[in-house]
Amino acid sequence: MNLAKHISLEKPLRVGELAKRSGKTVRALHLYEELGLLKPVHRSKGGFRLYSPSAVERVAWISKLQDAGFSLHQLQEFLGTVEGTDIASLAMTRVREVFAEKLRETREQVEKLQRLEQDLEASLAYLEACKTCQPPYAPHECGSCNHNGHQDGEQPLLVAGIHRG
């Protein structure tokens, strides 16, 4: 039973099956093929593209790099550089350089998002007092609010920006 299951996993996949297993559309897979990011192992007698079962992992790899900010054309260029290098250590040096740059960019983005998170938290805390604002004021009066605990605090930029033209 285990052997039969193993054999069925090794069967080439039609593009529709690969799409199902990878969570991508057939159109996306055809685009990946056009760009040289994905290659069918052969075509069936009926002309269907057949992919190795490992193509599911290849599509996951493409998705992961897209999540990291790579465009498909950047991936195409990246793969071309690696595949066009005759010496493995040089190819892997290029991979390390590209990944190190992406890591630096990712860390910068994380820092930016953490600052945004702090700004949003400060704005929400400030706005909490506005829920019970009495008597009701007109929105144009919020720009210089000194009510409900706002007397001694400056408005966070995300709130203040609403009122400044």
N, C-alpha and C. Protein backbone atom coordinates (compact mmCIF):
# COMPACT_ATOMS: atom_id res chain seq x y z
N MET A 1 0.83 -1.19 0.00
CA MET A 1 0.00 0.00 0.00
C MET A 1 0.88 1.25 0.00
N ASN A 2 1.89 1.26 0.83
CA ASN A 2 2.80 2.40 0.90
C ASN A 2 3.52 2.61 -0.42
N LEU A 3 3.93 1.51 -1.06
CA LEU A 3 4.62 1.59 -2.34
C LEU A 3 3.71 2.18 -3.41
N ALA A 4 2.45 1.77 -3.45
CA ALA A 4 1.50 2.31 -4.44
C ALA A 4 1.32 3.80 -4.25
N LYS A 5 1.23 4.24 -3.00
CA LYS A 5 1.08 5.67 -2.72
C LYS A 5 2.32 6.43 -3.21
N HIS A 6 3.50 5.89 -2.97
CA HIS A 6 4.75 6.51 -3.39
C HIS A 6 4.82 6.63 -4.92
N ILE A 7 4.41 5.58 -5.60
CA ILE A 7 4.43 5.59 -7.06
C ILE A 7 3.48 6.65 -7.60
N SER A 8 2.28 6.77 -7.01
CA SER A 8 1.32 7.75 -7.51
C SER A 8 1.83 9.18 -7.31
N LEU A 9 2.64 9.39 -6.29
CA LEU A 9 3.20 10.73 -6.06
C LEU A 9 4.25 11.08 -7.11
N GLU A 10 4.86 10.09 -7.68
CA GLU A 10 5.92 10.32 -8.65
C GLU A 10 5.40 10.51 -10.07
N LYS A 11 4.12 10.32 -10.26
CA LYS A 11 3.53 10.49 -11.59
C LYS A 11 3.62 11.95 -12.01
N PRO A 12 3.96 12.22 -13.26
CA PRO A 12 3.98 13.62 -13.72
C PRO A 12 2.60 14.27 -13.56
N LEU A 13 2.61 15.56 -13.32
CA LEU A 13 1.38 16.31 -13.08
C LEU A 13 1.00 17.12 -14.29
N ARG A 14 -0.28 17.11 -14.63
CA ARG A 14 -0.78 18.03 -15.65
C ARG A 14 -0.85 19.41 -15.02
N VAL A 15 -0.91 20.42 -15.85
CA VAL A 15 -0.87 21.80 -15.35
C VAL A 15 -2.03 22.08 -14.39
N GLY A 16 -3.20 21.53 -14.66
CA GLY A 16 -4.35 21.73 -13.78
C GLY A 16 -4.11 21.15 -12.39
N GLU A 17 -3.50 19.96 -12.34
CA GLU A 17 -3.19 19.32 -11.07
C GLU A 17 -2.12 20.11 -10.32
N LEU A 18 -1.11 20.59 -11.05
CA LEU A 18 -0.08 21.41 -10.43
C LEU A 18 -0.70 22.69 -9.87
N ALA A 19 -1.62 23.28 -10.60
CA ALA A 19 -2.30 24.49 -10.14
C ALA A 19 -3.05 24.20 -8.84
N LYS A 20 -3.76 23.08 -8.79
CA LYS A 20 -4.50 22.70 -7.59
C LYS A 20 -3.57 22.51 -6.40
N ARG A 21 -2.51 21.78 -6.61
CA ARG A 21 -1.58 21.46 -5.51
C ARG A 21 -0.80 22.68 -5.04
N SER A 22 -0.54 23.61 -5.94
CA SER A 22 0.28 24.76 -5.59
C SER A 22 -0.54 25.99 -5.17
N GLY A 23 -1.85 25.95 -5.47
CA GLY A 23 -2.69 27.10 -5.14
C GLY A 23 -2.54 28.26 -6.11
N LYS A 24 -1.97 27.99 -7.27
CA LYS A 24 -1.81 29.01 -8.31
C LYS A 24 -2.78 28.73 -9.45
N THR A 25 -2.97 29.73 -10.28
CA THR A 25 -3.83 29.53 -11.44
C THR A 25 -3.02 28.90 -12.57
N VAL A 26 -3.73 28.27 -13.49
CA VAL A 26 -3.08 27.71 -14.67
C VAL A 26 -2.38 28.83 -15.43
N ARG A 27 -3.03 29.98 -15.51
CA ARG A 27 -2.44 31.13 -16.21
C ARG A 27 -1.11 31.55 -15.59
N ALA A 28 -1.06 31.57 -14.24
CA ALA A 28 0.19 31.93 -13.56
C ALA A 28 1.28 30.92 -13.89
N LEU A 29 0.93 29.65 -13.89
CA LEU A 29 1.92 28.61 -14.20
C LEU A 29 2.43 28.74 -15.63
N HIS A 30 1.55 29.08 -16.56
CA HIS A 30 1.98 29.28 -17.95
C HIS A 30 2.93 30.48 -18.02
N LEU A 31 2.64 31.53 -17.25
CA LEU A 31 3.53 32.68 -17.22
C LEU A 31 4.90 32.29 -16.66
N TYR A 32 4.91 31.52 -15.58
CA TYR A 32 6.17 31.05 -15.01
C TYR A 32 6.97 30.28 -16.05
N GLU A 33 6.26 29.47 -16.84
CA GLU A 33 6.93 28.70 -17.88
C GLU A 33 7.49 29.63 -18.96
N GLU A 34 6.68 30.61 -19.38
CA GLU A 34 7.15 31.58 -20.40
C GLU A 34 8.42 32.28 -19.96
N LEU A 35 8.50 32.59 -18.66
CA LEU A 35 9.65 33.31 -18.12
C LEU A 35 10.83 32.39 -17.81
N GLY A 36 10.64 31.09 -17.98
CA GLY A 36 11.72 30.14 -17.72
C GLY A 36 11.88 29.79 -16.25
N LEU A 37 10.89 30.13 -15.44
CA LEU A 37 10.96 29.84 -14.01
C LEU A 37 10.49 28.42 -13.69
N LEU A 38 9.71 27.86 -14.59
CA LEU A 38 9.13 26.55 -14.41
C LEU A 38 9.20 25.83 -15.75
N LYS A 39 9.60 24.57 -15.71
CA LYS A 39 9.73 23.83 -16.96
C LYS A 39 9.01 22.49 -16.87
N PRO A 40 8.16 22.22 -17.85
CA PRO A 40 7.54 20.89 -17.85
C PRO A 40 8.60 19.85 -18.20
N VAL A 41 8.43 18.64 -17.69
CA VAL A 41 9.40 17.58 -18.00
C VAL A 41 9.17 17.06 -19.41
N HIS A 42 7.93 17.08 -19.87
CA HIS A 42 7.61 16.74 -21.26
C HIS A 42 6.13 17.01 -21.50
N ARG A 43 5.70 16.69 -22.71
CA ARG A 43 4.28 16.83 -23.06
C ARG A 43 3.70 15.44 -23.32
N SER A 44 2.45 15.33 -22.98
CA SER A 44 1.77 14.05 -23.22
C SER A 44 1.49 13.90 -24.71
N LYS A 45 1.01 12.74 -25.12
CA LYS A 45 0.65 12.52 -26.53
C LYS A 45 -0.43 13.50 -26.96
N GLY A 46 -1.27 13.90 -26.02
CA GLY A 46 -2.33 14.86 -26.31
C GLY A 46 -1.86 16.31 -26.28
N GLY A 47 -0.58 16.53 -26.02
CA GLY A 47 -0.03 17.88 -26.01
C GLY A 47 -0.09 18.59 -24.66
N PHE A 48 -0.50 17.87 -23.62
CA PHE A 48 -0.58 18.48 -22.28
C PHE A 48 0.81 18.61 -21.67
N ARG A 49 1.04 19.73 -21.04
CA ARG A 49 2.29 19.92 -20.30
C ARG A 49 2.28 18.98 -19.10
N LEU A 50 3.38 18.30 -18.87
CA LEU A 50 3.51 17.42 -17.72
C LEU A 50 4.69 17.89 -16.89
N TYR A 51 4.45 18.04 -15.60
CA TYR A 51 5.45 18.56 -14.68
C TYR A 51 5.85 17.50 -13.67
N SER A 52 7.07 17.58 -13.26
CA SER A 52 7.56 16.71 -12.21
C SER A 52 6.83 17.06 -10.91
N PRO A 53 6.61 16.08 -10.03
CA PRO A 53 5.99 16.39 -8.73
C PRO A 53 6.78 17.45 -7.95
N SER A 54 8.07 17.56 -8.19
CA SER A 54 8.88 18.58 -7.50
C SER A 54 8.54 20.00 -7.97
N ALA A 55 7.75 20.10 -9.04
CA ALA A 55 7.34 21.43 -9.52
C ALA A 55 6.48 22.14 -8.47
N VAL A 56 5.79 21.38 -7.62
CA VAL A 56 5.00 21.99 -6.54
C VAL A 56 5.94 22.79 -5.63
N GLU A 57 7.09 22.20 -5.32
CA GLU A 57 8.08 22.90 -4.50
C GLU A 57 8.66 24.10 -5.24
N ARG A 58 8.85 23.96 -6.53
CA ARG A 58 9.39 25.08 -7.32
C ARG A 58 8.42 26.25 -7.29
N VAL A 59 7.12 25.98 -7.43
CA VAL A 59 6.12 27.03 -7.39
C VAL A 59 6.08 27.67 -6.00
N ALA A 60 6.23 26.86 -4.95
CA ALA A 60 6.28 27.39 -3.58
C ALA A 60 7.50 28.30 -3.43
N TRP A 61 8.62 27.91 -4.02
CA TRP A 61 9.84 28.72 -3.99
C TRP A 61 9.61 30.06 -4.68
N ILE A 62 8.97 30.03 -5.83
CA ILE A 62 8.66 31.27 -6.56
C ILE A 62 7.78 32.16 -5.69
N SER A 63 6.77 31.59 -5.08
CA SER A 63 5.86 32.35 -4.21
C SER A 63 6.59 32.96 -3.03
N LYS A 64 7.48 32.19 -2.43
CA LYS A 64 8.23 32.67 -1.26
C LYS A 64 9.11 33.86 -1.66
N LEU A 65 9.75 33.77 -2.81
CA LEU A 65 10.59 34.88 -3.25
C LEU A 65 9.75 36.10 -3.65
N GLN A 66 8.56 35.86 -4.19
CA GLN A 66 7.66 36.98 -4.46
C GLN A 66 7.25 37.64 -3.15
N ASP A 67 6.99 36.84 -2.12
CA ASP A 67 6.67 37.38 -0.79
C ASP A 67 7.82 38.23 -0.26
N ALA A 68 9.03 37.86 -0.64
CA ALA A 68 10.22 38.60 -0.21
C ALA A 68 10.43 39.87 -1.02
N GLY A 69 9.58 40.08 -2.02
CA GLY A 69 9.66 41.32 -2.78
C GLY A 69 10.26 41.20 -4.17
N PHE A 70 10.56 40.00 -4.60
CA PHE A 70 11.09 39.81 -5.94
C PHE A 70 9.95 39.86 -6.96
N SER A 71 10.17 40.57 -8.04
CA SER A 71 9.22 40.51 -9.16
C SER A 71 9.56 39.25 -9.97
N LEU A 72 8.64 38.86 -10.83
CA LEU A 72 8.92 37.69 -11.67
C LEU A 72 10.11 37.94 -12.58
N HIS A 73 10.24 39.16 -13.06
CA HIS A 73 11.38 39.46 -13.94
C HIS A 73 12.69 39.45 -13.17
N GLN A 74 12.67 39.87 -11.92
CA GLN A 74 13.87 39.78 -11.09
C GLN A 74 14.23 38.32 -10.84
N LEU A 75 13.22 37.49 -10.62
CA LEU A 75 13.47 36.06 -10.45
C LEU A 75 14.06 35.45 -11.71
N GLN A 76 13.54 35.87 -12.84
CA GLN A 76 14.04 35.39 -14.13
C GLN A 76 15.53 35.76 -14.27
N GLU A 77 15.85 36.99 -13.95
CA GLU A 77 17.24 37.46 -14.03
C GLU A 77 18.11 36.72 -13.03
N PHE A 78 17.61 36.56 -11.83
CA PHE A 78 18.33 35.86 -10.75
C PHE A 78 18.66 34.44 -11.17
N LEU A 79 17.65 33.72 -11.66
CA LEU A 79 17.88 32.34 -12.11
C LEU A 79 18.84 32.29 -13.28
N GLY A 80 18.71 33.23 -14.21
CA GLY A 80 19.61 33.27 -15.35
C GLY A 80 21.05 33.44 -14.93
N THR A 81 21.26 34.27 -13.92
CA THR A 81 22.62 34.48 -13.40
C THR A 81 23.16 33.19 -12.79
N VAL A 82 22.34 32.54 -11.97
CA VAL A 82 22.78 31.31 -11.30
C VAL A 82 23.02 30.20 -12.32
N GLU A 83 22.04 30.01 -13.20
CA GLU A 83 22.16 28.92 -14.18
C GLU A 83 23.24 29.20 -15.23
N GLY A 84 23.57 30.46 -15.44
CA GLY A 84 24.58 30.82 -16.42
C GLY A 84 26.00 30.81 -15.88
N THR A 85 26.15 30.45 -14.62
CA THR A 85 27.47 30.39 -13.99
C THR A 85 27.94 28.95 -13.99
N ASP A 86 29.17 28.74 -14.47
CA ASP A 86 29.71 27.38 -14.58
C ASP A 86 30.28 26.84 -13.27
N ILE A 87 30.58 27.73 -12.33
CA ILE A 87 31.22 27.30 -11.09
C ILE A 87 30.22 27.48 -9.94
N ALA A 88 29.88 26.38 -9.28
CA ALA A 88 28.85 26.38 -8.24
C ALA A 88 29.14 27.40 -7.14
N SER A 89 30.38 27.48 -6.69
CA SER A 89 30.68 28.40 -5.59
C SER A 89 30.43 29.85 -6.00
N LEU A 90 30.68 30.20 -7.26
CA LEU A 90 30.39 31.55 -7.74
C LEU A 90 28.89 31.79 -7.82
N ALA A 91 28.17 30.78 -8.27
CA ALA A 91 26.71 30.90 -8.34
C ALA A 91 26.13 31.09 -6.94
N MET A 92 26.60 30.32 -5.99
CA MET A 92 26.08 30.42 -4.63
C MET A 92 26.53 31.72 -3.95
N THR A 93 27.66 32.25 -4.35
CA THR A 93 28.08 33.56 -3.84
C THR A 93 27.09 34.61 -4.29
N ARG A 94 26.66 34.52 -5.53
CA ARG A 94 25.66 35.46 -6.05
C ARG A 94 24.33 35.30 -5.30
N VAL A 95 23.94 34.08 -5.04
CA VAL A 95 22.71 33.83 -4.28
C VAL A 95 22.83 34.45 -2.89
N ARG A 96 23.97 34.25 -2.23
CA ARG A 96 24.17 34.83 -0.89
C ARG A 96 24.08 36.35 -0.94
N GLU A 97 24.68 36.97 -1.96
CA GLU A 97 24.64 38.43 -2.09
C GLU A 97 23.21 38.92 -2.25
N VAL A 98 22.45 38.27 -3.11
CA VAL A 98 21.06 38.67 -3.35
C VAL A 98 20.23 38.50 -2.09
N PHE A 99 20.40 37.36 -1.41
CA PHE A 99 19.63 37.11 -0.19
C PHE A 99 20.04 38.07 0.93
N ALA A 100 21.32 38.39 1.03
CA ALA A 100 21.78 39.34 2.06
C ALA A 100 21.16 40.71 1.83
N GLU A 101 21.08 41.13 0.57
CA GLU A 101 20.46 42.41 0.25
C GLU A 101 18.96 42.38 0.59
N LYS A 102 18.29 41.29 0.27
CA LYS A 102 16.87 41.17 0.60
C LYS A 102 16.66 41.18 2.11
N LEU A 103 17.55 40.54 2.84
CA LEU A 103 17.46 40.54 4.30
C LEU A 103 17.61 41.95 4.85
N ARG A 104 18.54 42.71 4.31
CA ARG A 104 18.73 44.10 4.74
C ARG A 104 17.46 44.91 4.46
N GLU A 105 16.92 44.76 3.26
CA GLU A 105 15.69 45.48 2.89
C GLU A 105 14.52 45.05 3.78
N THR A 106 14.43 43.77 4.08
CA THR A 106 13.35 43.25 4.92
C THR A 106 13.45 43.83 6.33
N ARG A 107 14.66 43.88 6.86
CA ARG A 107 14.84 44.44 8.20
C ARG A 107 14.46 45.92 8.24
N GLU A 108 14.80 46.65 7.19
CA GLU A 108 14.40 48.06 7.11
C GLU A 108 12.88 48.18 7.08
N GLN A 109 12.24 47.31 6.32
CA GLN A 109 10.78 47.33 6.23
C GLN A 109 10.15 46.98 7.57
N VAL A 110 10.72 46.02 8.28
CA VAL A 110 10.19 45.63 9.59
C VAL A 110 10.29 46.81 10.55
N GLU A 111 11.43 47.51 10.54
CA GLU A 111 11.59 48.70 11.40
C GLU A 111 10.56 49.76 11.05
N LYS A 112 10.34 49.98 9.78
CA LYS A 112 9.34 50.96 9.33
C LYS A 112 7.95 50.56 9.81
N LEU A 113 7.62 49.29 9.69
CA LEU A 113 6.31 48.80 10.12
C LEU A 113 6.16 48.89 11.65
N GLN A 114 7.25 48.67 12.38
CA GLN A 114 7.19 48.79 13.84
C GLN A 114 6.93 50.24 14.24
N ARG A 115 7.55 51.19 13.54
CA ARG A 115 7.29 52.62 13.82
C ARG A 115 5.83 52.95 13.49
N LEU A 116 5.32 52.42 12.40
CA LEU A 116 3.92 52.64 12.03
C LEU A 116 3.00 52.04 13.09
N GLU A 117 3.33 50.87 13.57
CA GLU A 117 2.54 50.23 14.61
C GLU A 117 2.48 51.13 15.86
N GLN A 118 3.60 51.68 16.25
CA GLN A 118 3.63 52.58 17.41
C GLN A 118 2.79 53.83 17.15
N ASP A 119 2.89 54.38 15.95
CA ASP A 119 2.09 55.56 15.60
C ASP A 119 0.60 55.25 15.66
N LEU A 120 0.22 54.11 15.14
CA LEU A 120 -1.20 53.71 15.15
C LEU A 120 -1.68 53.48 16.59
N GLU A 121 -0.87 52.82 17.41
CA GLU A 121 -1.25 52.60 18.80
C GLU A 121 -1.42 53.92 19.54
N ALA A 122 -0.49 54.88 19.33
CA ALA A 122 -0.59 56.19 19.99
C ALA A 122 -1.83 56.93 19.51
N SER A 123 -2.13 56.84 18.23
CA SER A 123 -3.31 57.50 17.68
C SER A 123 -4.59 56.89 18.25
N LEU A 124 -4.65 55.59 18.33
CA LEU A 124 -5.84 54.93 18.88
C LEU A 124 -6.02 55.27 20.36
N ALA A 125 -4.92 55.32 21.11
CA ALA A 125 -5.01 55.69 22.53
C ALA A 125 -5.52 57.12 22.65
N TYR A 126 -5.01 58.02 21.84
CA TYR A 126 -5.45 59.42 21.86
C TYR A 126 -6.93 59.52 21.51
N LEU A 127 -7.35 58.80 20.49
CA LEU A 127 -8.72 58.86 20.02
C LEU A 127 -9.72 58.19 20.96
N GLU A 128 -9.22 57.37 21.87
CA GLU A 128 -10.11 56.70 22.83
C GLU A 128 -10.93 57.74 23.61
N ALA A 129 -10.32 58.87 23.98
CA ALA A 129 -11.02 59.91 24.73
C ALA A 129 -12.11 60.57 23.88
N CYS A 130 -11.98 60.51 22.59
CA CYS A 130 -12.96 61.14 21.70
C CYS A 130 -14.29 60.39 21.71
N LYS A 131 -14.29 59.16 22.13
CA LYS A 131 -15.52 58.37 22.15
C LYS A 131 -16.55 58.97 23.11
N THR A 132 -16.07 59.64 24.15
CA THR A 132 -16.98 60.19 25.15
C THR A 132 -16.94 61.72 25.16
N CYS A 133 -16.59 62.32 24.07
CA CYS A 133 -16.47 63.78 23.97
C CYS A 133 -17.83 64.43 24.23
N GLN A 134 -17.89 65.25 25.28
CA GLN A 134 -19.12 65.95 25.64
C GLN A 134 -18.78 67.38 26.01
N PRO A 135 -19.53 68.35 25.66
CA PRO A 135 -20.64 68.27 24.73
C PRO A 135 -20.10 67.98 23.33
N PRO A 136 -20.98 67.59 22.42
CA PRO A 136 -20.51 67.31 21.05
C PRO A 136 -19.89 68.55 20.42
N TYR A 137 -18.69 68.34 19.87
CA TYR A 137 -17.99 69.42 19.17
C TYR A 137 -18.04 69.12 17.67
N ALA A 138 -17.83 70.16 16.87
CA ALA A 138 -17.75 69.99 15.42
C ALA A 138 -16.36 69.46 15.08
N PRO A 139 -16.25 68.65 14.03
CA PRO A 139 -14.95 68.08 13.67
C PRO A 139 -13.85 69.13 13.47
N HIS A 140 -14.18 70.32 12.98
CA HIS A 140 -13.13 71.33 12.76
C HIS A 140 -12.53 71.81 14.09
N GLU A 141 -13.22 71.57 15.21
CA GLU A 141 -12.70 71.97 16.52
C GLU A 141 -11.69 70.96 17.07
N CYS A 142 -11.63 69.78 16.48
CA CYS A 142 -10.72 68.73 16.96
C CYS A 142 -9.24 69.10 16.74
N GLY A 143 -8.98 69.98 15.81
CA GLY A 143 -7.59 70.34 15.51
C GLY A 143 -6.87 70.98 16.67
N SER A 144 -7.61 71.59 17.58
CA SER A 144 -6.98 72.22 18.75
C SER A 144 -7.68 71.74 20.01
N CYS A 145 -7.96 70.46 20.07
CA CYS A 145 -8.72 69.90 21.18
C CYS A 145 -7.96 70.01 22.49
N ASN A 146 -8.67 70.48 23.51
CA ASN A 146 -8.10 70.49 24.86
C ASN A 146 -9.14 69.92 25.84
N HIS A 147 -9.90 68.94 25.39
CA HIS A 147 -10.96 68.33 26.18
C HIS A 147 -10.63 66.87 26.47
N ASN A 148 -11.29 66.31 27.42
CA ASN A 148 -11.23 64.87 27.72
C ASN A 148 -9.81 64.31 27.81
N GLY A 149 -8.97 64.96 28.53
CA GLY A 149 -7.61 64.46 28.73
C GLY A 149 -6.62 64.89 27.67
N HIS A 150 -7.03 65.69 26.72
CA HIS A 150 -6.14 66.14 25.66
C HIS A 150 -5.46 67.47 26.01
N GLN A 151 -5.70 68.00 27.21
CA GLN A 151 -5.18 69.31 27.58
C GLN A 151 -3.65 69.38 27.50
N ASP A 152 -2.98 68.40 27.98
CA ASP A 152 -1.52 68.48 28.07
C ASP A 152 -0.78 67.66 27.02
N GLY A 153 -1.50 66.99 26.15
CA GLY A 153 -0.83 66.15 25.16
C GLY A 153 -1.00 66.67 23.76
N GLU A 154 0.04 66.52 22.98
CA GLU A 154 -0.02 66.89 21.57
C GLU A 154 -0.70 65.78 20.80
N GLN A 155 -1.40 66.11 19.76
CA GLN A 155 -2.03 65.09 18.94
C GLN A 155 -0.96 64.30 18.20
N PRO A 156 -1.13 62.99 18.14
CA PRO A 156 -0.22 62.20 17.30
C PRO A 156 -0.35 62.66 15.84
N LEU A 157 0.72 62.57 15.10
CA LEU A 157 0.75 63.04 13.72
C LEU A 157 -0.38 62.47 12.88
N LEU A 158 -0.69 61.18 13.06
CA LEU A 158 -1.75 60.57 12.25
C LEU A 158 -3.11 61.23 12.50
N VAL A 159 -3.32 61.74 13.71
CA VAL A 159 -4.56 62.43 14.02
C VAL A 159 -4.45 63.89 13.61
N ALA A 160 -3.34 64.53 13.95
CA ALA A 160 -3.16 65.94 13.66
C ALA A 160 -3.21 66.22 12.16
N GLY A 161 -2.72 65.33 11.36
CA GLY A 161 -2.69 65.51 9.93
C GLY A 161 -4.06 65.65 9.30
N ILE A 162 -5.06 65.09 9.94
CA ILE A 162 -6.43 65.18 9.46
C ILE A 162 -6.89 66.63 9.45
N HIS A 163 -6.44 67.38 10.44
CA HIS A 163 -6.94 68.73 10.66
C HIS A 163 -6.07 69.83 10.07
N ARG A 164 -4.95 69.44 9.52
CA ARG A 164 -4.05 70.45 8.95
C ARG A 164 -4.03 70.34 7.43
N GLY A 165 -4.23 71.45 6.79
CA GLY A 165 -4.32 71.44 5.34
C GLY A 165 -3.09 71.83 4.72
